[in-house]
Amino acid sequence: MKIFVFCKKYLLRHKYTLAVYISIMLISSALGIFLPFIIGRFLDNFVDGANVEDIFRFAFVFGAISVLKILKGYVASIMHVKMESGMSYALNRDTMNHVQNLSLSYINKQDSAYLSQRIGADSGNLITFCIAVLQNIISNAVMVVLPFIILVSMNAFIAVLLIIFFVVYVVLYFIFRKAIYTAGLALKEAQSKFFSRCLERLRYIKLIKINSIHAQMNERTDQSFSVAQNATIHNQKVGYFYSGLDGIVSTIAQIVLFVIGGMQILAGNFTIGMFTVFTSYFNMILNSGRYFFGLGAYYQYVLVAYNRLTEIFEQLPEQYGSRIIKDISKVELCNVNFAYANKMAIDNFNMSFEKGKIYGIVGANGAGKSTLISLILGLYIDEYDGIIKYDDVDIRQINMWAARKELIAFSEQEPLLLGDTIRYNLTFEDAESQLSIDEYINILGMEEFIYERTLDFVINEKNTNTSGGEKQKISILKALNKNSPVMIFDEPTSALDAKTTDKFMQYLGAIKQDKIIILITHDAIVKNQCDEILELTSTLS
């Protein structure tokens, strides 16, 4: 089954726990098979004249089996939760890692809330299904085979009827499987989109307040809820109709059982105890058959999750190289072209950036300044034409994850800080590393801000406890602390006063001999202190 192939590596990571868990469930099934014998024997002995000792013996055995089942249930439930949560997280993490390796263009087109809910829900569905099937399919197979052998020995005719009922279940499954899949797909998509709409109201709360669009946002959510509700109702109708057919088949089977069993008692072929045993095993087989019938519907539902996850994994990751470089002395762009949705953003661009110089990139909004920086960073590695080289090595041959981590520092104009301490946002490490950043704090005029709040000040999720200027200064501080061979700043002085801007540029001038420094800027003070100015004009039509 392709779902198990897909989840194989996660199941194998817990193979020993899984084996013990399945063994426990099989033992439980064996106890379930053994119990009707005890009850049947007790009833026949009781009719024949059991004594007090027999009653207590039965009570002891029955009680011991019940206690074992309770203990089994506790141990099995703990094992199940541990395996399921661990495997689901691992699959979720691998899927998220794959998404992170996809092109920036693809990711920018996605609804992050929808995608997150989709990945989380589908990962959990697949792992839950695999564990449930491994747990139940073996025990239910045992509950079919062994009782069936016993029933054949007791009454071959009823055994044949059971086979007929099983065939009916198979036929019904193949008739309804497409409808079940379609209803499940519509439900999952509607649920993911509704989750996104709900989160939208929290994500854009400031926009909602400023524009007083509470009613409009309610309407958007209401529409999404209506779609999700209709999908839920339709899925429920299909599921109930399917399970209703199961109930009809089961009812007919029970009627057949009572008729044949009653006739056997009247004919003197069955004792009451034998009929009890016969009924118990018949119901075991029937319930197992119903399990497989229900498993068919469950499989179609989980198949939706499988297809949605494989759809993500079918997106090819960016093709980074494997070469590790130790330094960058020159960045060169040769005949580079890049387009957004067939609209040219960078057209036949040629430029070299070398150590020892400060480069200023200027131009109107939409001229391609940020796009150029993204190309230099290798963020559109598969989507441009031409050649981009670090020290005469094509960046398509370089491990750009490692290069960006070790050799390039970038400060964004509108940084988004993680909901964590200032220290973590500077280093992205949990350990309280010693930072020698007093000089940079002084350059940026952040003494009062840092020393009042300390580096352990926690920035909240939406960054609302830190001003825009403070966030940008933290971003610049992060780049300065990284001290990489290539340093790129996007409008760094928009949050700095003239005095601080001068100190910042003086510092860059002092370190430029060992750096390639690139600044996107509109600031005249910055332009005057750059060694070269690159002016971009818009190519977007």
Protein backbone atom coordinates (compact mmCIF):
# COMPACT_ATOMS: atom_id res chain seq x y z
CA MET A 1 0.00 0.00 0.00
CA LYS A 2 1.48 3.34 -1.12
CA ILE A 3 0.60 5.10 2.13
CA PHE A 4 2.79 2.64 4.05
CA VAL A 5 5.62 3.05 1.55
CA PHE A 6 5.42 6.81 2.05
CA CYS A 7 5.47 6.48 5.86
CA LYS A 8 7.92 3.56 5.97
CA LYS A 9 10.92 5.44 7.36
CA TYR A 10 8.88 6.93 10.22
CA LEU A 11 7.46 3.53 11.14
CA LEU A 12 10.93 1.94 11.07
CA ARG A 13 12.28 4.54 13.51
CA HIS A 14 9.86 3.11 16.09
CA LYS A 15 9.93 -0.49 14.87
CA TYR A 16 10.72 -2.06 18.24
CA THR A 17 8.08 -0.07 20.10
CA LEU A 18 5.65 -0.79 17.28
CA ALA A 19 6.41 -4.52 17.45
CA VAL A 20 5.79 -4.62 21.21
CA TYR A 21 2.62 -2.57 20.77
CA ILE A 22 1.24 -4.91 18.08
CA SER A 23 2.16 -7.93 20.19
CA ILE A 24 0.20 -6.52 23.10
CA MET A 25 -2.81 -5.97 20.86
CA LEU A 26 -2.56 -9.53 19.51
CA ILE A 27 -2.46 -10.91 23.05
CA SER A 28 -5.56 -8.86 23.78
CA SER A 29 -7.27 -10.37 20.72
CA ALA A 30 -6.26 -13.85 21.86
CA LEU A 31 -7.84 -13.18 25.24
CA GLY A 32 -10.97 -12.04 23.41
CA ILE A 33 -11.10 -15.32 21.47
CA PHE A 34 -10.54 -17.39 24.59
CA LEU A 35 -13.21 -15.63 26.66
CA PRO A 36 -16.31 -17.07 24.88
CA PHE A 37 -15.02 -20.60 25.62
CA ILE A 38 -14.92 -19.77 29.32
CA ILE A 39 -18.39 -18.24 29.31
CA GLY A 40 -19.87 -21.09 27.23
CA ARG A 41 -18.28 -23.76 29.43
CA PHE A 42 -19.52 -22.00 32.56
CA LEU A 43 -23.11 -21.79 31.27
CA ASP A 44 -23.19 -25.48 30.32
CA ASN A 45 -21.69 -26.49 33.67
CA PHE A 46 -24.18 -24.28 35.45
CA VAL A 47 -27.10 -25.94 33.64
CA ASP A 48 -25.65 -29.37 34.38
CA GLY A 49 -25.31 -28.54 38.06
CA ALA A 50 -22.27 -26.41 38.90
CA ASN A 51 -21.14 -26.00 42.49
CA VAL A 52 -19.93 -22.94 44.40
CA GLU A 53 -16.31 -23.79 43.64
CA ASP A 54 -17.03 -23.65 39.89
CA ILE A 55 -18.65 -20.24 40.28
CA PHE A 56 -15.66 -18.81 42.14
CA ARG A 57 -13.23 -20.38 39.68
CA PHE A 58 -15.06 -18.72 36.79
CA ALA A 59 -15.20 -15.40 38.64
CA PHE A 60 -11.44 -15.54 39.32
CA VAL A 61 -10.51 -16.34 35.70
CA PHE A 62 -12.92 -13.74 34.34
CA GLY A 63 -11.63 -11.11 36.78
CA ALA A 64 -7.97 -11.89 36.00
CA ILE A 65 -8.59 -11.54 32.27
CA SER A 66 -10.42 -8.24 32.83
CA VAL A 67 -7.55 -6.85 34.94
CA LEU A 68 -5.04 -7.89 32.25
CA LYS A 69 -7.13 -6.07 29.64
CA ILE A 70 -7.17 -2.90 31.75
CA LEU A 71 -3.38 -3.01 32.26
CA LYS A 72 -2.92 -3.74 28.59
CA GLY A 73 -5.07 -0.73 27.73
CA TYR A 74 -2.97 1.61 29.88
CA VAL A 75 0.39 0.45 28.55
CA ALA A 76 -0.84 0.38 24.96
CA SER A 77 -2.34 3.88 25.17
CA ILE A 78 0.94 5.41 26.42
CA MET A 79 2.93 3.64 23.69
CA HIS A 80 0.40 4.71 21.07
CA VAL A 81 0.52 8.40 22.02
CA LYS A 82 4.33 8.43 22.10
CA MET A 83 4.67 6.76 18.68
CA GLU A 84 1.92 8.74 17.00
CA SER A 85 3.10 12.15 18.20
CA GLY A 86 6.75 11.39 17.39
CA MET A 87 6.06 10.08 13.89
CA SER A 88 3.56 12.82 13.04
CA TYR A 89 6.03 15.51 14.09
CA ALA A 90 8.85 13.91 12.08
CA LEU A 91 6.70 13.80 8.93
CA ASN A 92 5.48 17.35 9.54
CA ARG A 93 9.07 18.55 10.01
CA ASP A 94 10.32 16.81 6.86
CA THR A 95 7.48 18.33 4.85
CA MET A 96 8.23 21.80 6.21
CA ASN A 97 11.93 21.31 5.43
CA HIS A 98 10.99 20.40 1.87
CA VAL A 99 8.84 23.54 1.58
CA GLN A 100 11.75 25.64 2.86
CA ASN A 101 13.88 24.21 0.05
CA LEU A 102 11.38 25.21 -2.64
CA SER A 103 11.79 28.36 -4.69
CA LEU A 104 10.97 31.68 -3.08
CA SER A 105 8.58 32.37 -5.96
CA TYR A 106 6.56 29.24 -5.14
CA ILE A 107 6.46 29.99 -1.42
CA ASN A 108 5.39 33.60 -2.00
CA LYS A 109 2.33 32.34 -3.89
CA GLN A 110 1.16 30.17 -1.00
CA ASP A 111 -1.20 30.99 1.84
CA SER A 112 1.03 30.19 4.80
CA ALA A 113 -1.85 29.54 7.23
CA TYR A 114 -3.59 27.22 4.77
CA LEU A 115 -0.34 25.40 4.01
CA SER A 116 0.58 25.00 7.68
CA GLN A 117 -2.84 23.59 8.61
CA ARG A 118 -2.80 21.32 5.58
CA ILE A 119 0.64 19.89 6.36
CA GLY A 120 -0.10 19.43 10.06
CA ALA A 121 -3.48 17.77 9.59
CA ASP A 122 -2.39 15.53 6.72
CA SER A 123 0.78 14.37 8.51
CA GLY A 124 -1.24 13.39 11.55
CA ASN A 125 -3.86 11.60 9.42
CA LEU A 126 -1.27 9.45 7.64
CA ILE A 127 0.58 8.36 10.78
CA THR A 128 -2.64 7.70 12.71
CA PHE A 129 -3.88 5.56 9.82
CA CYS A 130 -0.66 3.52 9.59
CA ILE A 131 -0.56 2.76 13.32
CA ALA A 132 -4.27 1.99 13.44
CA VAL A 133 -4.04 -0.40 10.50
CA LEU A 134 -0.95 -2.17 11.84
CA GLN A 135 -2.67 -2.43 15.20
CA ASN A 136 -6.03 -3.66 13.95
CA ILE A 137 -5.54 -5.44 10.66
CA ILE A 138 -3.57 -8.33 12.14
CA SER A 139 -5.88 -8.76 15.12
CA ASN A 140 -8.97 -8.52 12.90
CA ALA A 141 -7.50 -11.01 10.46
CA VAL A 142 -6.93 -13.37 13.38
CA MET A 143 -10.49 -12.68 14.56
CA VAL A 144 -11.73 -13.77 11.13
CA VAL A 145 -9.58 -16.83 10.45
CA LEU A 146 -9.61 -18.67 13.78
CA PRO A 147 -13.31 -18.19 14.63
CA PHE A 148 -14.18 -19.05 11.00
CA ILE A 149 -12.40 -22.39 11.34
CA ILE A 150 -14.34 -23.06 14.54
CA LEU A 151 -17.65 -22.07 12.89
CA VAL A 152 -17.01 -24.33 9.93
CA SER A 153 -16.63 -27.23 12.32
CA MET A 154 -19.87 -26.26 14.06
CA ASN A 155 -22.01 -25.31 11.02
CA ALA A 156 -20.64 -25.15 7.49
CA PHE A 157 -23.75 -23.51 6.06
CA ILE A 158 -23.49 -20.39 8.22
CA ALA A 159 -19.80 -20.15 7.35
CA VAL A 160 -20.71 -20.02 3.64
CA LEU A 161 -23.25 -17.27 4.37
CA LEU A 162 -20.55 -15.26 6.09
CA ILE A 163 -18.43 -15.46 2.94
CA ILE A 164 -21.39 -14.12 0.95
CA PHE A 165 -21.75 -11.19 3.36
CA PHE A 166 -18.03 -10.42 2.96
CA VAL A 167 -18.43 -10.37 -0.84
CA VAL A 168 -21.33 -7.91 -0.46
CA TYR A 169 -19.08 -5.64 1.63
CA VAL A 170 -16.37 -5.69 -1.05
CA VAL A 171 -18.84 -4.82 -3.82
CA LEU A 172 -20.30 -1.93 -1.82
CA TYR A 173 -16.83 -0.53 -1.14
CA PHE A 174 -15.88 -0.44 -4.83
CA ILE A 175 -19.18 1.25 -5.66
CA PHE A 176 -18.75 4.04 -3.09
CA ARG A 177 -14.98 4.57 -2.86
CA LYS A 178 -14.85 7.45 -5.40
CA ALA A 179 -17.72 9.29 -3.71
CA ILE A 180 -16.02 8.90 -0.32
CA TYR A 181 -12.70 10.23 -1.69
CA THR A 182 -14.32 13.21 -3.41
CA ALA A 183 -16.29 14.18 -0.31
CA GLY A 184 -13.17 13.82 1.88
CA LEU A 185 -11.07 15.99 -0.45
CA ALA A 186 -13.69 18.75 -0.53
CA LEU A 187 -13.92 18.64 3.28
CA LYS A 188 -10.16 18.84 3.87
CA GLU A 189 -9.71 21.70 1.41
CA ALA A 190 -12.61 23.62 2.92
CA GLN A 191 -11.30 23.08 6.46
CA SER A 192 -7.80 24.31 5.55
CA LYS A 193 -9.18 27.41 3.83
CA PHE A 194 -11.52 28.16 6.73
CA PHE A 195 -8.58 27.90 9.14
CA SER A 196 -6.71 30.40 6.97
CA ARG A 197 -9.66 32.82 7.00
CA CYS A 198 -9.91 32.62 10.79
CA LEU A 199 -6.20 33.31 11.20
CA GLU A 200 -6.48 36.18 8.73
CA ARG A 201 -8.60 38.07 11.26
CA LEU A 202 -5.79 37.88 13.81
CA ARG A 203 -2.95 38.48 11.36
CA TYR A 204 -4.50 41.70 10.00
CA ILE A 205 -6.10 43.02 13.17
CA LYS A 206 -4.42 46.44 12.80
CA LEU A 207 -5.65 46.77 9.20
CA ILE A 208 -9.16 45.80 10.33
CA LYS A 209 -9.19 48.41 13.09
CA ILE A 210 -7.73 51.22 10.98
CA ASN A 211 -10.17 50.69 8.12
CA SER A 212 -13.13 49.62 10.31
CA ILE A 213 -13.75 46.57 8.16
CA HIS A 214 -15.03 44.27 10.88
CA ALA A 215 -18.23 43.57 8.95
CA GLN A 216 -16.36 42.79 5.73
CA MET A 217 -13.98 40.42 7.50
CA ASN A 218 -16.93 38.73 9.20
CA GLU A 219 -18.50 38.26 5.79
CA ARG A 220 -15.30 36.71 4.39
CA THR A 221 -15.14 34.30 7.34
CA ASP A 222 -18.87 33.54 7.11
CA GLN A 223 -18.53 32.63 3.44
CA SER A 224 -15.60 30.34 4.18
CA PHE A 225 -17.51 28.75 7.06
CA SER A 226 -20.51 28.17 4.81
CA VAL A 227 -18.33 26.30 2.31
CA ALA A 228 -16.72 24.26 5.11
CA GLN A 229 -20.08 23.51 6.69
CA ASN A 230 -21.58 22.34 3.39
CA ALA A 231 -18.55 20.16 2.75
CA THR A 232 -18.86 18.71 6.26
CA ILE A 233 -22.56 17.97 5.79
CA HIS A 234 -21.97 16.37 2.40
CA ASN A 235 -19.13 14.26 3.78
CA GLN A 236 -21.37 13.22 6.69
CA LYS A 237 -24.17 12.24 4.30
CA VAL A 238 -21.86 10.10 2.18
CA GLY A 239 -20.28 8.53 5.28
CA TYR A 240 -23.62 7.86 6.94
CA PHE A 241 -25.10 6.32 3.81
CA TYR A 242 -22.04 4.08 3.52
CA SER A 243 -22.18 3.06 7.19
CA GLY A 244 -25.97 2.66 6.89
CA LEU A 245 -25.45 0.01 4.26
CA ASP A 246 -23.08 -1.67 6.70
CA GLY A 247 -25.87 -1.62 9.28
CA ILE A 248 -28.33 -3.21 6.83
CA VAL A 249 -25.93 -6.02 5.94
CA SER A 250 -25.11 -6.53 9.62
CA THR A 251 -28.80 -6.67 10.57
CA ILE A 252 -29.54 -9.25 7.89
CA ALA A 253 -26.59 -11.32 9.09
CA GLN A 254 -27.85 -11.18 12.68
CA ILE A 255 -31.32 -12.29 11.63
CA VAL A 256 -29.83 -15.23 9.73
CA LEU A 257 -27.77 -16.10 12.80
CA PHE A 258 -30.79 -16.13 15.14
CA VAL A 259 -32.91 -18.16 12.75
CA ILE A 260 -30.29 -20.82 12.08
CA GLY A 261 -29.03 -20.88 15.67
CA GLY A 262 -32.58 -21.14 17.04
CA MET A 263 -33.39 -23.97 14.69
CA GLN A 264 -30.25 -25.81 15.79
CA ILE A 265 -31.31 -25.49 19.44
CA LEU A 266 -34.83 -26.74 18.67
CA ALA A 267 -33.35 -29.67 16.74
CA GLY A 268 -31.21 -30.54 19.76
CA ASN A 269 -27.94 -29.90 17.89
CA PHE A 270 -26.92 -26.93 20.07
CA THR A 271 -26.90 -26.46 23.80
CA ILE A 272 -27.38 -22.97 25.24
CA GLY A 273 -23.65 -22.79 25.90
CA MET A 274 -22.83 -23.93 22.36
CA PHE A 275 -25.20 -21.30 20.95
CA THR A 276 -23.45 -18.66 23.07
CA VAL A 277 -20.07 -19.72 21.71
CA PHE A 278 -21.51 -19.88 18.18
CA THR A 279 -23.01 -16.38 18.49
CA SER A 280 -19.82 -14.91 19.94
CA TYR A 281 -17.63 -16.22 17.12
CA PHE A 282 -20.14 -15.27 14.48
CA ASN A 283 -20.17 -11.70 15.79
CA MET A 284 -16.38 -11.67 16.00
CA ILE A 285 -16.14 -12.54 12.32
CA LEU A 286 -18.92 -10.15 11.37
CA ASN A 287 -17.39 -7.27 13.34
CA SER A 288 -14.02 -7.92 11.74
CA GLY A 289 -15.70 -7.87 8.34
CA ARG A 290 -17.31 -4.58 9.26
CA TYR A 291 -13.90 -3.32 10.33
CA PHE A 292 -12.47 -4.01 6.88
CA PHE A 293 -15.54 -2.41 5.31
CA GLY A 294 -15.01 0.71 7.43
CA LEU A 295 -11.28 0.57 6.72
CA GLY A 296 -12.09 1.04 3.04
CA ALA A 297 -13.83 4.35 3.78
CA TYR A 298 -11.04 5.37 6.17
CA TYR A 299 -8.46 4.57 3.50
CA GLN A 300 -10.18 6.85 0.98
CA TYR A 301 -10.24 9.67 3.52
CA VAL A 302 -6.54 9.25 4.32
CA LEU A 303 -5.74 8.88 0.63
CA VAL A 304 -6.75 12.52 0.34
CA ALA A 305 -4.10 13.43 2.93
CA TYR A 306 -1.54 11.28 1.12
CA ASN A 307 -2.22 12.90 -2.24
CA ARG A 308 -2.08 16.41 -0.77
CA LEU A 309 1.29 15.71 0.88
CA THR A 310 2.79 14.01 -2.17
CA GLU A 311 1.65 17.00 -4.23
CA ILE A 312 3.94 19.14 -2.07
CA PHE A 313 6.85 16.68 -2.29
CA GLU A 314 6.47 16.59 -6.08
CA GLN A 315 7.50 20.25 -6.16
CA LEU A 316 11.19 20.16 -7.02
CA PRO A 317 13.51 21.83 -4.50
CA GLU A 318 15.97 24.48 -5.54
CA GLN A 319 19.06 22.96 -7.10
CA TYR A 320 21.89 24.22 -4.95
CA GLY A 321 25.39 22.92 -5.55
CA SER A 322 27.58 21.12 -3.04
CA ARG A 323 30.75 23.18 -3.21
CA ILE A 324 31.73 24.81 0.09
CA ILE A 325 33.58 28.11 -0.22
CA LYS A 326 35.58 29.79 2.54
CA ASP A 327 35.58 33.41 1.40
CA ILE A 328 34.05 35.81 -1.13
CA SER A 329 36.29 38.46 -2.67
CA LYS A 330 34.19 39.27 -5.72
CA VAL A 331 30.55 38.95 -6.73
CA GLU A 332 29.98 39.12 -10.48
CA LEU A 333 26.75 39.22 -12.49
CA CYS A 334 27.00 38.58 -16.23
CA ASN A 335 24.04 39.12 -18.59
CA VAL A 336 21.53 38.38 -15.84
CA ASN A 337 17.82 38.41 -16.65
CA PHE A 338 14.97 37.82 -14.24
CA ALA A 339 11.21 38.16 -14.65
CA TYR A 340 8.15 38.12 -12.39
CA ALA A 341 5.16 36.52 -14.12
CA ASN A 342 6.66 37.21 -17.57
CA LYS A 343 7.40 40.85 -16.65
CA MET A 344 11.10 41.62 -16.80
CA ALA A 345 12.52 42.88 -13.51
CA ILE A 346 16.26 42.59 -14.24
CA ASP A 347 17.26 42.91 -17.91
CA ASN A 348 20.70 41.94 -19.23
CA PHE A 349 22.41 43.14 -16.06
CA ASN A 350 26.21 43.21 -15.70
CA MET A 351 28.11 44.27 -12.59
CA SER A 352 31.05 43.30 -10.37
CA PHE A 353 31.23 43.91 -6.62
CA GLU A 354 34.72 43.62 -5.09
CA LYS A 355 36.30 43.77 -1.67
CA GLY A 356 37.51 47.16 -0.57
CA LYS A 357 34.54 49.15 -1.82
CA ILE A 358 31.19 50.38 -0.60
CA TYR A 359 28.52 50.16 -3.30
CA GLY A 360 25.36 52.20 -3.24
CA ILE A 361 22.34 50.89 -5.14
CA VAL A 362 19.81 53.59 -5.92
CA GLY A 363 16.66 53.87 -7.98
CA ALA A 364 12.96 54.45 -7.80
CA ASN A 365 10.61 52.03 -6.10
CA GLY A 366 10.05 49.06 -8.40
CA ALA A 367 13.37 49.52 -10.17
CA GLY A 368 14.57 46.09 -9.03
CA LYS A 369 16.87 46.94 -6.13
CA SER A 370 15.50 44.28 -3.75
CA THR A 371 15.26 41.78 -6.61
CA LEU A 372 18.93 42.34 -7.42
CA ILE A 373 19.89 41.66 -3.80
CA SER A 374 17.78 38.48 -3.79
CA LEU A 375 19.62 37.31 -6.92
CA ILE A 376 23.00 38.02 -5.32
CA LEU A 377 21.87 36.03 -2.26
CA GLY A 378 20.92 33.09 -4.51
CA LEU A 379 17.25 33.21 -3.51
CA TYR A 380 16.11 32.66 -7.12
CA ILE A 381 18.77 30.10 -7.97
CA ASP A 382 16.72 28.28 -10.64
CA GLU A 383 14.82 31.22 -12.05
CA TYR A 384 17.27 33.63 -13.67
CA ASP A 385 19.16 33.58 -16.94
CA GLY A 386 22.82 34.51 -17.12
CA ILE A 387 25.63 33.89 -14.67
CA ILE A 388 26.18 34.96 -11.07
CA LYS A 389 29.61 34.10 -9.65
CA TYR A 390 31.39 34.27 -6.33
CA ASP A 391 35.13 34.45 -7.02
CA ASP A 392 34.68 32.97 -10.52
CA VAL A 393 32.55 30.09 -9.20
CA ASP A 394 28.98 29.91 -10.50
CA ILE A 395 26.64 30.11 -7.49
CA ARG A 396 24.69 27.16 -8.94
CA GLN A 397 27.73 25.03 -8.01
CA ILE A 398 27.92 26.43 -4.47
CA ASN A 399 26.12 25.25 -1.35
CA MET A 400 24.24 28.52 -0.93
CA TRP A 401 22.75 27.55 2.44
CA ALA A 402 26.28 27.33 3.85
CA ALA A 403 27.44 30.44 1.97
CA ARG A 404 24.60 32.58 3.32
CA LYS A 405 25.09 31.21 6.83
CA GLU A 406 28.82 31.86 7.02
CA LEU A 407 29.78 34.47 4.43
CA ILE A 408 26.89 36.88 3.91
CA ALA A 409 25.24 39.26 6.38
CA PHE A 410 21.99 40.92 5.35
CA SER A 411 19.98 43.60 7.12
CA GLU A 412 16.42 44.09 5.90
CA GLN A 413 14.66 47.46 5.79
CA GLU A 414 11.52 46.01 7.38
CA PRO A 415 12.80 43.08 9.43
CA LEU A 416 10.48 40.55 11.03
CA LEU A 417 11.96 39.48 14.34
CA LEU A 418 11.26 36.12 15.94
CA GLY A 419 9.19 36.00 19.10
CA ASP A 420 12.22 35.50 21.32
CA THR A 421 14.99 37.45 23.03
CA ILE A 422 17.08 40.12 21.35
CA ARG A 423 20.06 37.81 21.91
CA TYR A 424 18.40 34.98 19.98
CA ASN A 425 17.51 37.33 17.13
CA LEU A 426 21.17 38.33 16.89
CA THR A 427 22.67 34.83 16.97
CA PHE A 428 19.79 32.35 16.36
CA GLU A 429 21.23 30.20 19.13
CA ASP A 430 19.58 29.15 22.39
CA ALA A 431 22.80 29.27 24.38
CA GLU A 432 23.62 32.53 26.13
CA SER A 433 26.68 33.20 24.00
CA GLN A 434 29.01 36.01 24.93
CA LEU A 435 28.53 38.85 22.46
CA SER A 436 31.16 41.51 21.93
CA ILE A 437 28.83 44.09 20.47
CA ASP A 438 29.42 47.18 22.62
CA GLU A 439 31.14 48.95 19.73
CA TYR A 440 28.20 48.27 17.39
CA ILE A 441 25.70 49.35 20.04
CA ASN A 442 27.58 52.64 20.36
CA ILE A 443 27.72 53.14 16.57
CA LEU A 444 23.97 52.72 16.28
CA GLY A 445 23.15 54.81 19.37
CA MET A 446 21.41 51.85 21.04
CA GLU A 447 23.01 52.16 24.48
CA GLU A 448 19.88 53.25 26.29
CA PHE A 449 17.66 50.75 24.48
CA ILE A 450 19.93 47.72 25.09
CA TYR A 451 21.05 48.51 28.62
CA GLU A 452 17.52 49.26 29.83
CA ARG A 453 15.99 46.13 28.32
CA THR A 454 19.11 43.88 28.17
CA LEU A 455 19.76 41.31 25.47
CA ASP A 456 17.34 38.96 27.22
CA PHE A 457 14.35 41.20 26.53
CA VAL A 458 11.69 39.09 24.80
CA ILE A 459 10.24 40.54 21.60
CA ASN A 460 6.64 39.42 21.22
CA GLU A 461 5.27 37.45 18.28
CA LYS A 462 3.95 40.47 16.36
CA ASN A 463 6.95 42.66 17.37
CA THR A 464 4.54 45.24 18.81
CA ASN A 465 6.67 45.86 21.92
CA THR A 466 9.49 47.17 19.72
CA SER A 467 9.29 50.17 17.38
CA GLY A 468 10.03 49.99 13.66
CA GLY A 469 13.27 51.91 14.13
CA GLU A 470 14.38 49.66 16.97
CA LYS A 471 13.65 46.56 14.89
CA GLN A 472 15.73 47.89 12.04
CA LYS A 473 18.61 48.74 14.37
CA ILE A 474 18.49 45.19 15.77
CA SER A 475 18.66 43.90 12.19
CA ILE A 476 21.71 46.10 11.47
CA LEU A 477 23.26 45.01 14.78
CA LYS A 478 22.78 41.37 13.71
CA ALA A 479 24.62 42.03 10.41
CA LEU A 480 27.47 43.90 12.08
CA ASN A 481 27.87 41.18 14.70
CA LYS A 482 28.02 38.51 11.97
CA ASN A 483 30.96 40.39 10.43
CA SER A 484 30.86 38.42 7.17
CA PRO A 485 32.97 39.04 4.02
CA VAL A 486 29.82 40.27 2.25
CA MET A 487 27.58 42.76 4.07
CA ILE A 488 24.33 43.96 2.53
CA PHE A 489 22.07 46.63 4.05
CA ASP A 490 18.65 47.62 2.73
CA GLU A 491 17.95 51.29 3.56
CA PRO A 492 19.96 51.04 6.80
CA THR A 493 19.87 54.75 7.65
CA SER A 494 16.10 55.22 7.42
CA ALA A 495 15.99 54.58 11.19
CA LEU A 496 19.15 56.59 12.00
CA ASP A 497 19.62 60.29 12.62
CA ALA A 498 22.32 62.25 10.78
CA LYS A 499 24.92 61.85 13.54
CA THR A 500 24.36 58.10 13.83
CA THR A 501 24.35 57.75 10.03
CA ASP A 502 27.77 59.43 9.89
CA LYS A 503 29.17 57.11 12.60
CA PHE A 504 27.74 54.09 10.80
CA MET A 505 29.27 55.07 7.45
CA GLN A 506 32.62 55.86 9.08
CA TYR A 507 32.66 52.37 10.57
CA LEU A 508 31.86 50.77 7.21
CA GLY A 509 34.64 52.82 5.64
CA ALA A 510 37.07 51.55 8.29
CA ILE A 511 36.30 47.86 7.64
CA LYS A 512 35.70 47.93 3.88
CA GLN A 513 39.16 46.67 2.91
CA ASP A 514 38.14 43.14 3.94
CA LYS A 515 34.50 43.41 2.89
CA ILE A 516 32.15 43.71 -0.02
CA ILE A 517 29.62 46.23 1.28
CA ILE A 518 26.38 46.88 -0.60
CA LEU A 519 23.78 49.41 0.50
CA ILE A 520 20.35 50.06 -0.98
CA THR A 521 19.77 53.72 -0.18
CA HIS A 522 18.03 56.98 -0.92
CA ASP A 523 20.11 58.83 1.66
CA ALA A 524 22.33 61.60 0.21
CA ILE A 525 24.83 61.27 3.10
CA VAL A 526 25.25 57.56 2.33
CA LYS A 527 25.55 58.15 -1.41
CA ASN A 528 28.35 60.67 -0.86
CA GLN A 529 30.39 58.13 1.10
CA CYS A 530 29.97 55.23 -1.35
CA ASP A 531 32.83 54.34 -3.65
CA GLU A 532 30.50 53.43 -6.50
CA ILE A 533 26.86 54.20 -7.20
CA LEU A 534 24.71 51.82 -9.22
CA GLU A 535 21.48 53.36 -10.41
CA LEU A 536 18.69 51.03 -11.48
CA THR A 537 15.77 52.01 -13.67
CA SER A 538 12.49 50.16 -13.75
CA THR A 539 12.08 47.51 -16.45
CA LEU A 540 8.59 46.46 -15.33
CA SER A 541 5.90 47.41 -17.81
